[in-house]
Amino acid sequence: GVVCRVRDCHRRRTVRRFCLGMMPMRALTICQPYASLIAEGRKRCENRRWPTSFRGMIAIHAGKSREWLDTLHPDEPMPNPMPFGAVIATANLVDCVKLTDVIDGVLGDAYGWMLDDRHAEGPYCFVLEDVTPIEPVPFRGAQGFFFFPDRLVPVEAK
């Protein structure tokens, strides 16, 4: 059976769903080709105009838009395959930093790699680690974080 990891929670329905392995995972829609670059490990951060305090596992959703396909640097090969409208990976969102703080040295050397990373554009960078590609799961995306059914993510990718 599934062991419940939640103690003393006043929301019984939430506890029950968590204990049964039915809690949804947060997901983030990212336009292609950038979602696939993350899944391939070639993009370590996602740029947003807004910060987040969330930390933890997220699902990487490849959006349906083809608007950004011609924005890759000429030296960078196009990802292949490149699914649209599907969750294609999971990642651990470990931090959210202002790119100006990295440039100004406020954060020390922790994110110095962003200075030379062509994909770090800010103003906020969601730092992603432990990226695990999965077989594409067709799913409708949304703006900002949205919930994706945890049961659709393979165990090894959680």
N, C-alpha and C. Protein backbone atom coordinates (compact mmCIF):
# COMPACT_ATOMS: atom_id res chain seq x y z
N GLY A 1 0.80 -1.18 0.00
CA GLY A 1 0.00 0.00 0.00
C GLY A 1 0.85 1.25 0.00
N VAL A 2 0.23 2.36 -0.26
CA VAL A 2 0.90 3.65 -0.27
C VAL A 2 0.95 4.18 1.15
N VAL A 3 2.12 4.61 1.58
CA VAL A 3 2.29 5.16 2.90
C VAL A 3 2.02 6.66 2.84
N CYS A 4 1.20 7.12 3.74
CA CYS A 4 0.88 8.55 3.78
C CYS A 4 2.03 9.31 4.42
N ARG A 5 2.52 10.34 3.72
CA ARG A 5 3.62 11.14 4.22
C ARG A 5 3.14 12.44 4.85
N VAL A 6 1.86 12.61 4.95
CA VAL A 6 1.31 13.85 5.49
C VAL A 6 0.81 13.60 6.90
N ARG A 7 1.20 14.46 7.84
CA ARG A 7 0.74 14.34 9.23
C ARG A 7 -0.05 15.58 9.61
N ASP A 8 -1.02 15.39 10.45
CA ASP A 8 -1.77 16.49 11.05
C ASP A 8 -2.26 17.53 10.05
N CYS A 9 -2.86 17.07 8.98
CA CYS A 9 -3.42 18.01 8.01
C CYS A 9 -4.93 18.08 8.21
N HIS A 10 -5.48 19.28 8.21
CA HIS A 10 -6.91 19.44 8.46
C HIS A 10 -7.75 19.24 7.20
N ARG A 11 -7.12 19.08 6.07
CA ARG A 11 -7.86 18.88 4.82
C ARG A 11 -7.89 17.39 4.48
N ARG A 12 -8.92 16.72 4.92
CA ARG A 12 -8.99 15.27 4.74
C ARG A 12 -8.93 14.84 3.28
N ARG A 13 -9.64 15.57 2.40
CA ARG A 13 -9.67 15.19 0.99
C ARG A 13 -8.26 15.28 0.39
N THR A 14 -7.52 16.34 0.73
CA THR A 14 -6.16 16.50 0.22
C THR A 14 -5.28 15.38 0.72
N VAL A 15 -5.38 15.06 2.01
CA VAL A 15 -4.59 13.98 2.58
C VAL A 15 -4.93 12.65 1.90
N ARG A 16 -6.21 12.38 1.72
CA ARG A 16 -6.63 11.14 1.09
C ARG A 16 -6.07 11.04 -0.33
N ARG A 17 -6.18 12.11 -1.10
CA ARG A 17 -5.66 12.09 -2.47
C ARG A 17 -4.15 11.91 -2.49
N PHE A 18 -3.45 12.60 -1.56
CA PHE A 18 -2.01 12.47 -1.50
C PHE A 18 -1.62 11.04 -1.15
N CYS A 19 -2.29 10.46 -0.18
CA CYS A 19 -1.97 9.11 0.27
C CYS A 19 -2.27 8.06 -0.80
N LEU A 20 -3.24 8.34 -1.66
CA LEU A 20 -3.58 7.40 -2.72
C LEU A 20 -2.78 7.65 -3.99
N GLY A 21 -1.85 8.58 -3.96
CA GLY A 21 -1.02 8.87 -5.12
C GLY A 21 -1.76 9.62 -6.21
N MET A 22 -2.79 10.38 -5.85
CA MET A 22 -3.59 11.06 -6.86
C MET A 22 -3.39 12.58 -6.85
N MET A 23 -2.42 13.06 -6.09
CA MET A 23 -2.20 14.51 -6.06
C MET A 23 -1.66 14.96 -7.41
N PRO A 24 -2.16 16.06 -7.89
CA PRO A 24 -1.65 16.56 -9.16
C PRO A 24 -0.26 17.17 -9.01
N MET A 25 0.48 17.15 -10.11
CA MET A 25 1.79 17.76 -10.16
C MET A 25 1.63 19.12 -10.85
N ARG A 26 2.37 20.11 -10.41
CA ARG A 26 2.34 21.38 -11.11
C ARG A 26 3.01 21.21 -12.47
N ALA A 27 2.51 21.93 -13.45
CA ALA A 27 3.08 21.87 -14.79
C ALA A 27 3.26 23.29 -15.31
N LEU A 28 4.15 23.44 -16.26
CA LEU A 28 4.43 24.73 -16.86
C LEU A 28 4.52 24.56 -18.38
N THR A 29 3.72 25.33 -19.11
CA THR A 29 3.78 25.28 -20.56
C THR A 29 4.96 26.12 -21.04
N ILE A 30 5.75 25.51 -21.90
CA ILE A 30 6.91 26.17 -22.49
C ILE A 30 6.82 25.97 -24.00
N CYS A 31 7.01 27.04 -24.73
CA CYS A 31 6.91 26.97 -26.18
C CYS A 31 8.06 26.14 -26.76
N GLN A 32 7.77 25.48 -27.88
CA GLN A 32 8.80 24.77 -28.62
C GLN A 32 9.60 25.79 -29.42
N PRO A 33 10.85 25.59 -29.62
CA PRO A 33 11.65 24.40 -29.35
C PRO A 33 12.22 24.32 -27.93
N TYR A 34 11.90 25.31 -27.08
CA TYR A 34 12.55 25.40 -25.77
C TYR A 34 12.15 24.29 -24.81
N ALA A 35 10.91 23.81 -24.89
CA ALA A 35 10.51 22.68 -24.03
C ALA A 35 11.36 21.46 -24.34
N SER A 36 11.57 21.19 -25.62
CA SER A 36 12.39 20.03 -26.00
C SER A 36 13.86 20.23 -25.64
N LEU A 37 14.34 21.45 -25.72
CA LEU A 37 15.72 21.71 -25.29
C LEU A 37 15.89 21.42 -23.80
N ILE A 38 14.87 21.74 -22.99
CA ILE A 38 14.91 21.40 -21.57
C ILE A 38 14.91 19.89 -21.40
N ALA A 39 14.02 19.21 -22.12
CA ALA A 39 13.92 17.75 -22.01
C ALA A 39 15.24 17.07 -22.41
N GLU A 40 15.95 17.66 -23.36
CA GLU A 40 17.23 17.10 -23.83
C GLU A 40 18.40 17.51 -22.94
N GLY A 41 18.17 18.39 -21.98
CA GLY A 41 19.24 18.84 -21.10
C GLY A 41 20.09 19.96 -21.68
N ARG A 42 19.63 20.59 -22.74
CA ARG A 42 20.40 21.67 -23.37
C ARG A 42 19.98 23.06 -22.88
N LYS A 43 18.92 23.13 -22.09
CA LYS A 43 18.45 24.40 -21.53
C LYS A 43 18.21 24.18 -20.04
N ARG A 44 18.95 24.89 -19.19
CA ARG A 44 18.92 24.64 -17.74
C ARG A 44 18.01 25.56 -16.97
N CYS A 45 17.49 26.58 -17.64
CA CYS A 45 16.58 27.50 -16.93
C CYS A 45 15.48 27.95 -17.88
N GLU A 46 14.36 28.31 -17.30
CA GLU A 46 13.23 28.83 -18.08
C GLU A 46 13.04 30.29 -17.70
N ASN A 47 12.90 31.14 -18.69
CA ASN A 47 12.76 32.58 -18.48
C ASN A 47 11.29 32.95 -18.32
N ARG A 48 11.02 33.80 -17.35
CA ARG A 48 9.67 34.29 -17.13
C ARG A 48 9.72 35.76 -16.75
N ARG A 49 8.59 36.43 -16.91
CA ARG A 49 8.48 37.83 -16.50
C ARG A 49 8.05 37.94 -15.04
N TRP A 50 7.71 36.83 -14.44
CA TRP A 50 7.20 36.81 -13.07
C TRP A 50 8.01 35.82 -12.23
N PRO A 51 8.17 36.13 -10.94
CA PRO A 51 8.89 35.22 -10.05
C PRO A 51 7.96 34.15 -9.49
N THR A 52 8.55 33.13 -8.91
CA THR A 52 7.77 32.11 -8.21
C THR A 52 8.50 31.73 -6.93
N SER A 53 7.72 31.40 -5.92
CA SER A 53 8.31 30.88 -4.68
C SER A 53 8.20 29.36 -4.63
N PHE A 54 7.55 28.77 -5.66
CA PHE A 54 7.38 27.32 -5.69
C PHE A 54 8.74 26.65 -5.92
N ARG A 55 8.96 25.55 -5.21
CA ARG A 55 10.13 24.70 -5.42
C ARG A 55 9.63 23.27 -5.41
N GLY A 56 10.15 22.47 -6.31
CA GLY A 56 9.75 21.07 -6.35
C GLY A 56 9.61 20.57 -7.77
N MET A 57 9.10 19.34 -7.89
CA MET A 57 8.95 18.70 -9.19
C MET A 57 7.83 19.35 -9.99
N ILE A 58 8.09 19.56 -11.27
CA ILE A 58 7.09 20.09 -12.19
C ILE A 58 7.11 19.25 -13.46
N ALA A 59 6.01 19.29 -14.16
CA ALA A 59 5.93 18.67 -15.48
C ALA A 59 6.21 19.75 -16.52
N ILE A 60 6.99 19.40 -17.52
CA ILE A 60 7.31 20.33 -18.62
C ILE A 60 6.34 20.04 -19.75
N HIS A 61 5.48 21.03 -20.04
CA HIS A 61 4.47 20.89 -21.08
C HIS A 61 4.93 21.66 -22.32
N ALA A 62 4.99 20.97 -23.45
CA ALA A 62 5.34 21.61 -24.71
C ALA A 62 4.08 22.21 -25.31
N GLY A 63 4.08 23.53 -25.46
CA GLY A 63 2.90 24.22 -25.99
C GLY A 63 2.65 23.90 -27.45
N LYS A 64 1.49 24.31 -27.92
CA LYS A 64 1.12 24.06 -29.32
C LYS A 64 1.63 25.14 -30.27
N SER A 65 2.03 26.28 -29.74
CA SER A 65 2.45 27.40 -30.57
C SER A 65 3.72 27.07 -31.36
N ARG A 66 3.75 27.52 -32.59
CA ARG A 66 4.95 27.37 -33.43
C ARG A 66 5.63 28.72 -33.65
N GLU A 67 5.22 29.69 -32.86
CA GLU A 67 5.69 31.07 -32.99
C GLU A 67 7.20 31.23 -32.75
N TRP A 68 7.77 30.40 -31.91
CA TRP A 68 9.17 30.56 -31.51
C TRP A 68 10.13 29.65 -32.26
N LEU A 69 9.65 28.90 -33.25
CA LEU A 69 10.50 27.91 -33.91
C LEU A 69 11.70 28.52 -34.63
N ASP A 70 11.60 29.74 -35.09
CA ASP A 70 12.71 30.34 -35.83
C ASP A 70 13.61 31.21 -34.95
N THR A 71 13.51 31.06 -33.63
CA THR A 71 14.29 31.92 -32.73
C THR A 71 15.55 31.25 -32.19
N LEU A 72 15.80 30.01 -32.55
CA LEU A 72 17.01 29.34 -32.07
C LEU A 72 18.25 29.97 -32.68
N HIS A 73 19.33 29.95 -31.93
CA HIS A 73 20.62 30.43 -32.43
C HIS A 73 21.01 29.57 -33.63
N PRO A 74 21.58 30.17 -34.67
CA PRO A 74 21.92 29.40 -35.88
C PRO A 74 22.84 28.21 -35.63
N ASP A 75 23.68 28.29 -34.59
CA ASP A 75 24.60 27.18 -34.29
C ASP A 75 23.94 26.04 -33.54
N GLU A 76 22.73 26.26 -33.07
CA GLU A 76 22.08 25.24 -32.24
C GLU A 76 21.16 24.37 -33.09
N PRO A 77 21.37 23.05 -33.07
CA PRO A 77 20.50 22.17 -33.85
C PRO A 77 19.08 22.12 -33.28
N MET A 78 18.12 22.00 -34.16
CA MET A 78 16.71 21.90 -33.77
C MET A 78 16.49 20.55 -33.08
N PRO A 79 15.76 20.54 -31.97
CA PRO A 79 15.48 19.27 -31.28
C PRO A 79 14.68 18.33 -32.18
N ASN A 80 14.92 17.06 -32.00
CA ASN A 80 14.19 16.06 -32.77
C ASN A 80 14.05 14.81 -31.91
N PRO A 81 12.86 14.35 -31.62
CA PRO A 81 11.55 14.86 -32.05
C PRO A 81 11.16 16.11 -31.25
N MET A 82 10.10 16.76 -31.73
CA MET A 82 9.64 17.97 -31.08
C MET A 82 8.11 17.93 -31.01
N PRO A 83 7.57 17.28 -29.96
CA PRO A 83 6.11 17.18 -29.82
C PRO A 83 5.48 18.51 -29.43
N PHE A 84 4.22 18.67 -29.76
CA PHE A 84 3.45 19.86 -29.41
C PHE A 84 2.21 19.44 -28.63
N GLY A 85 1.79 20.26 -27.66
CA GLY A 85 0.58 19.98 -26.91
C GLY A 85 0.66 18.75 -26.04
N ALA A 86 1.81 18.55 -25.39
CA ALA A 86 1.99 17.35 -24.57
C ALA A 86 3.00 17.61 -23.46
N VAL A 87 2.88 16.87 -22.37
CA VAL A 87 3.89 16.87 -21.32
C VAL A 87 5.00 15.96 -21.79
N ILE A 88 6.24 16.48 -21.78
CA ILE A 88 7.35 15.72 -22.36
C ILE A 88 8.49 15.43 -21.37
N ALA A 89 8.42 16.02 -20.16
CA ALA A 89 9.49 15.80 -19.19
C ALA A 89 9.02 16.23 -17.81
N THR A 90 9.81 15.85 -16.82
CA THR A 90 9.65 16.38 -15.47
C THR A 90 10.98 17.02 -15.10
N ALA A 91 10.92 17.96 -14.17
CA ALA A 91 12.13 18.63 -13.71
C ALA A 91 11.93 19.10 -12.28
N ASN A 92 13.02 19.27 -11.59
CA ASN A 92 12.99 19.81 -10.25
C ASN A 92 13.28 21.31 -10.35
N LEU A 93 12.30 22.13 -10.02
CA LEU A 93 12.49 23.58 -10.01
C LEU A 93 13.15 23.91 -8.67
N VAL A 94 14.44 24.23 -8.72
CA VAL A 94 15.21 24.39 -7.49
C VAL A 94 15.39 25.83 -7.05
N ASP A 95 15.18 26.79 -7.97
CA ASP A 95 15.35 28.18 -7.59
C ASP A 95 14.72 29.09 -8.65
N CYS A 96 14.49 30.32 -8.26
CA CYS A 96 14.03 31.37 -9.17
C CYS A 96 14.89 32.58 -8.85
N VAL A 97 15.68 33.02 -9.83
CA VAL A 97 16.59 34.12 -9.59
C VAL A 97 16.37 35.23 -10.61
N LYS A 98 16.64 36.45 -10.18
CA LYS A 98 16.61 37.59 -11.10
C LYS A 98 17.94 37.58 -11.85
N LEU A 99 17.86 37.65 -13.16
CA LEU A 99 19.08 37.62 -13.96
C LEU A 99 19.98 38.82 -13.62
N THR A 100 19.39 39.95 -13.28
CA THR A 100 20.21 41.11 -12.91
C THR A 100 21.02 40.84 -11.64
N ASP A 101 20.48 40.03 -10.73
CA ASP A 101 21.23 39.65 -9.52
C ASP A 101 22.43 38.78 -9.88
N VAL A 102 22.26 37.91 -10.87
CA VAL A 102 23.38 37.07 -11.33
C VAL A 102 24.44 37.96 -11.97
N ILE A 103 24.02 38.86 -12.84
CA ILE A 103 24.95 39.75 -13.55
C ILE A 103 25.70 40.65 -12.58
N ASP A 104 24.99 41.17 -11.56
CA ASP A 104 25.59 42.07 -10.58
C ASP A 104 26.41 41.34 -9.52
N GLY A 105 26.42 40.01 -9.53
CA GLY A 105 27.21 39.24 -8.57
C GLY A 105 26.58 39.13 -7.20
N VAL A 106 25.30 39.50 -7.07
CA VAL A 106 24.62 39.45 -5.77
C VAL A 106 24.54 38.02 -5.24
N LEU A 107 24.46 37.04 -6.13
CA LEU A 107 24.30 35.65 -5.72
C LEU A 107 25.63 34.89 -5.67
N GLY A 108 26.74 35.59 -5.80
CA GLY A 108 28.04 34.93 -5.80
C GLY A 108 28.23 34.12 -7.07
N ASP A 109 28.92 33.01 -6.94
CA ASP A 109 29.21 32.17 -8.11
C ASP A 109 28.18 31.08 -8.35
N ALA A 110 27.16 31.00 -7.51
CA ALA A 110 26.19 29.91 -7.60
C ALA A 110 25.59 29.75 -8.99
N TYR A 111 25.31 30.86 -9.65
CA TYR A 111 24.68 30.80 -10.97
C TYR A 111 25.53 31.50 -12.02
N GLY A 112 26.82 31.49 -11.84
CA GLY A 112 27.73 32.10 -12.81
C GLY A 112 27.59 31.51 -14.20
N TRP A 113 27.18 30.23 -14.28
CA TRP A 113 27.00 29.60 -15.59
C TRP A 113 25.97 30.33 -16.45
N MET A 114 25.04 31.06 -15.82
CA MET A 114 24.03 31.79 -16.58
C MET A 114 24.64 32.93 -17.42
N LEU A 115 25.78 33.45 -16.99
CA LEU A 115 26.40 34.56 -17.71
C LEU A 115 26.78 34.17 -19.12
N ASP A 116 27.11 32.90 -19.32
CA ASP A 116 27.51 32.41 -20.65
C ASP A 116 26.43 31.57 -21.32
N ASP A 117 25.27 31.48 -20.70
CA ASP A 117 24.20 30.63 -21.24
C ASP A 117 23.30 31.46 -22.15
N ARG A 118 23.25 31.09 -23.42
CA ARG A 118 22.45 31.86 -24.39
C ARG A 118 20.95 31.77 -24.10
N HIS A 119 20.54 30.82 -23.28
CA HIS A 119 19.12 30.66 -22.97
C HIS A 119 18.68 31.42 -21.72
N ALA A 120 19.62 31.96 -20.98
CA ALA A 120 19.27 32.73 -19.77
C ALA A 120 19.06 34.19 -20.17
N GLU A 121 17.78 34.57 -20.25
CA GLU A 121 17.44 35.92 -20.71
C GLU A 121 16.68 36.72 -19.66
N GLY A 122 16.08 36.02 -18.68
CA GLY A 122 15.35 36.70 -17.62
C GLY A 122 14.07 37.36 -18.10
N PRO A 123 13.52 38.28 -17.34
CA PRO A 123 14.13 38.84 -16.13
C PRO A 123 14.23 37.86 -14.96
N TYR A 124 13.35 36.85 -14.91
CA TYR A 124 13.45 35.82 -13.88
C TYR A 124 13.80 34.50 -14.54
N CYS A 125 14.70 33.77 -13.92
CA CYS A 125 15.12 32.46 -14.43
C CYS A 125 14.70 31.39 -13.44
N PHE A 126 13.88 30.45 -13.91
CA PHE A 126 13.50 29.29 -13.10
C PHE A 126 14.60 28.25 -13.34
N VAL A 127 15.36 27.93 -12.31
CA VAL A 127 16.48 27.01 -12.43
C VAL A 127 15.96 25.58 -12.31
N LEU A 128 16.27 24.77 -13.34
CA LEU A 128 15.76 23.40 -13.43
C LEU A 128 16.90 22.39 -13.30
N GLU A 129 16.67 21.36 -12.51
CA GLU A 129 17.63 20.26 -12.35
C GLU A 129 16.88 18.94 -12.44
N ASP A 130 17.64 17.85 -12.52
CA ASP A 130 17.08 16.50 -12.52
C ASP A 130 15.99 16.34 -13.58
N VAL A 131 16.25 16.81 -14.77
CA VAL A 131 15.27 16.72 -15.86
C VAL A 131 15.19 15.28 -16.35
N THR A 132 13.98 14.77 -16.46
CA THR A 132 13.75 13.42 -16.94
C THR A 132 12.75 13.45 -18.10
N PRO A 133 13.22 13.14 -19.33
CA PRO A 133 12.27 13.09 -20.45
C PRO A 133 11.30 11.92 -20.27
N ILE A 134 10.07 12.09 -20.72
CA ILE A 134 9.08 11.00 -20.69
C ILE A 134 8.44 10.90 -22.06
N GLU A 135 7.77 9.80 -22.31
CA GLU A 135 7.00 9.67 -23.54
C GLU A 135 5.95 10.77 -23.52
N PRO A 136 5.77 11.48 -24.63
CA PRO A 136 4.79 12.59 -24.63
C PRO A 136 3.39 12.14 -24.21
N VAL A 137 2.79 12.92 -23.32
CA VAL A 137 1.43 12.68 -22.86
C VAL A 137 0.59 13.86 -23.33
N PRO A 138 -0.27 13.67 -24.34
CA PRO A 138 -1.09 14.79 -24.82
C PRO A 138 -1.90 15.39 -23.68
N PHE A 139 -1.85 16.72 -23.60
CA PHE A 139 -2.54 17.41 -22.51
C PHE A 139 -2.68 18.87 -22.88
N ARG A 140 -3.77 19.48 -22.47
CA ARG A 140 -4.00 20.89 -22.74
C ARG A 140 -3.22 21.74 -21.74
N GLY A 141 -2.45 22.68 -22.21
CA GLY A 141 -1.66 23.55 -21.36
C GLY A 141 -2.45 24.76 -20.88
N ALA A 142 -1.76 25.64 -20.17
CA ALA A 142 -2.37 26.86 -19.65
C ALA A 142 -1.27 27.85 -19.36
N GLN A 143 -1.64 29.09 -19.08
CA GLN A 143 -0.66 30.09 -18.69
C GLN A 143 -0.32 29.91 -17.21
N GLY A 144 0.91 30.22 -16.86
CA GLY A 144 1.35 30.06 -15.48
C GLY A 144 1.41 28.59 -15.11
N PHE A 145 1.48 28.32 -13.82
CA PHE A 145 1.45 26.93 -13.37
C PHE A 145 0.03 26.40 -13.44
N PHE A 146 -0.11 25.15 -13.83
CA PHE A 146 -1.40 24.48 -13.80
C PHE A 146 -1.15 23.07 -13.29
N PHE A 147 -2.22 22.35 -13.01
CA PHE A 147 -2.07 21.02 -12.44
C PHE A 147 -2.20 19.94 -13.50
N PHE A 148 -1.31 18.95 -13.38
CA PHE A 148 -1.25 17.81 -14.28
C PHE A 148 -1.41 16.56 -13.43
N PRO A 149 -2.27 15.61 -13.84
CA PRO A 149 -2.49 14.41 -13.02
C PRO A 149 -1.21 13.61 -12.80
N ASP A 150 -0.82 13.48 -11.55
CA ASP A 150 0.39 12.77 -11.17
C ASP A 150 0.41 11.34 -11.71
N ARG A 151 -0.74 10.71 -11.82
CA ARG A 151 -0.80 9.31 -12.25
C ARG A 151 -0.35 9.14 -13.69
N LEU A 152 -0.31 10.21 -14.48
CA LEU A 152 0.12 10.13 -15.87
C LEU A 152 1.64 10.24 -16.03
N VAL A 153 2.35 10.49 -14.91
CA VAL A 153 3.80 10.60 -14.95
C VAL A 153 4.39 9.27 -14.54
N PRO A 154 5.31 8.72 -15.35
CA PRO A 154 5.96 7.45 -14.96
C PRO A 154 6.67 7.58 -13.62
N VAL A 155 6.65 6.52 -12.83
CA VAL A 155 7.22 6.54 -11.49
C VAL A 155 8.66 7.02 -11.49
N GLU A 156 9.46 6.58 -12.46
CA GLU A 156 10.88 6.95 -12.50
C GLU A 156 11.10 8.44 -12.77
N ALA A 157 10.08 9.14 -13.21
CA ALA A 157 10.22 10.57 -13.53
C ALA A 157 9.70 11.47 -12.42
N LYS A 158 9.22 10.90 -11.32
CA LYS A 158 8.65 11.70 -10.22
C LYS A 158 9.70 12.12 -9.24
